[in-house]
Amino acid sequence: MELQTRLDTLLTLARELGIDLRSESLGGEGGGLCALKGRRVLFVDTSADLDTRYERTAAALAGLPELEGRYLPPEIREDLHRFTEGTAR
């Protein structure tokens, strides 16, 4: 599965989980999940390359309890598992 497709899948998943998405220029190294005014917000750094955007998004979503029992493509499930185990590249 192409990396852009993986990222798109994670962003769709985030929306389905009720997470607000914000695409912002954060200098190429930023992005992640935070809580603002009681809402979860996922920031995607538009200055970052595709690899960084994917890695930051996967790291932000890894370990969310809402992912249990949801279907995810095996490649994405493996990536998320690497982050929960602390073995991400």
Protein backbone atom coordinates (compact mmCIF):
# COMPACT_ATOMS: atom_id res chain seq x y z
CA MET A 1 0.00 0.00 0.00
CA GLU A 2 1.39 3.41 -0.97
CA LEU A 3 2.36 5.76 1.82
CA GLN A 4 -0.10 8.48 0.73
CA THR A 5 -2.90 5.90 0.83
CA ARG A 6 -1.83 4.87 4.32
CA LEU A 7 -1.85 8.49 5.48
CA ASP A 8 -5.27 9.10 3.92
CA THR A 9 -6.58 5.99 5.69
CA LEU A 10 -5.29 7.24 9.05
CA LEU A 11 -6.79 10.69 8.50
CA THR A 12 -10.16 9.15 7.61
CA LEU A 13 -9.94 7.00 10.71
CA ALA A 14 -9.21 10.05 12.86
CA ARG A 15 -12.31 11.81 11.49
CA GLU A 16 -14.41 8.70 12.15
CA LEU A 17 -13.19 8.75 15.76
CA GLY A 18 -14.39 12.33 16.13
CA ILE A 19 -10.91 13.86 16.06
CA ASP A 20 -10.72 17.31 14.48
CA LEU A 21 -8.04 17.65 11.79
CA ARG A 22 -5.96 20.77 11.29
CA SER A 23 -3.46 21.11 8.47
CA GLU A 24 -0.92 23.76 9.42
CA SER A 25 2.58 24.73 8.41
CA LEU A 26 4.60 23.82 11.52
CA GLY A 27 8.14 23.97 10.19
CA GLY A 28 8.43 20.41 8.91
CA GLU A 29 8.94 18.65 12.24
CA GLY A 30 5.62 19.16 13.99
CA GLY A 31 2.24 17.56 14.10
CA GLY A 32 0.50 15.36 16.60
CA LEU A 33 -2.57 14.90 18.73
CA CYS A 34 -3.62 17.26 21.50
CA ALA A 35 -6.71 18.40 23.38
CA LEU A 36 -8.03 21.91 22.83
CA LYS A 37 -11.11 23.10 24.70
CA GLY A 38 -12.13 19.53 25.44
CA ARG A 39 -11.79 18.34 21.83
CA ARG A 40 -9.08 16.12 20.39
CA VAL A 41 -7.27 17.81 17.52
CA LEU A 42 -4.78 16.16 15.18
CA PHE A 43 -2.33 18.63 13.66
CA VAL A 44 -0.79 17.62 10.33
CA ASP A 45 2.32 19.60 9.41
CA THR A 46 1.96 20.69 5.78
CA SER A 47 5.65 21.68 5.76
CA ALA A 48 6.77 18.12 6.52
CA ASP A 49 7.55 15.51 3.90
CA LEU A 50 5.16 12.60 3.39
CA ASP A 51 7.21 10.20 5.53
CA THR A 52 7.20 12.61 8.48
CA ARG A 53 3.47 13.38 8.15
CA TYR A 54 2.68 9.66 8.13
CA GLU A 55 4.99 8.82 11.04
CA ARG A 56 3.63 11.68 13.20
CA THR A 57 0.03 10.75 12.41
CA ALA A 58 0.60 7.05 13.10
CA ALA A 59 2.39 7.86 16.36
CA ALA A 60 -0.45 10.14 17.42
CA LEU A 61 -3.15 7.53 16.81
CA ALA A 62 -1.25 4.47 18.02
CA GLY A 63 -2.59 3.12 21.27
CA LEU A 64 -5.97 4.83 21.12
CA PRO A 65 -8.43 2.44 22.77
CA GLU A 66 -11.02 3.15 20.07
CA LEU A 67 -8.85 1.27 17.56
CA GLU A 68 -9.46 -2.05 19.28
CA GLY A 69 -11.94 -4.09 17.29
CA ARG A 70 -11.84 -1.78 14.24
CA TYR A 71 -10.72 -3.12 10.91
CA LEU A 72 -7.47 -1.61 9.70
CA PRO A 73 -5.41 -2.80 6.74
CA PRO A 74 -2.65 -5.12 8.00
CA GLU A 75 0.15 -2.74 6.94
CA ILE A 76 -1.34 0.09 8.97
CA ARG A 77 -2.08 -2.15 11.96
CA GLU A 78 1.60 -3.22 11.93
CA ASP A 79 2.77 0.41 11.78
CA LEU A 80 0.55 1.40 14.70
CA HIS A 81 1.75 -1.63 16.66
CA ARG A 82 5.39 -0.53 16.16
CA PHE A 83 4.56 2.78 17.82
CA THR A 84 2.78 1.18 20.77
CA GLU A 85 5.76 -1.14 21.24
CA GLY A 86 8.28 1.69 20.89
CA THR A 87 10.03 0.13 17.90
CA ALA A 88 9.12 2.70 15.24
CA ARG A 89 11.79 3.46 12.69
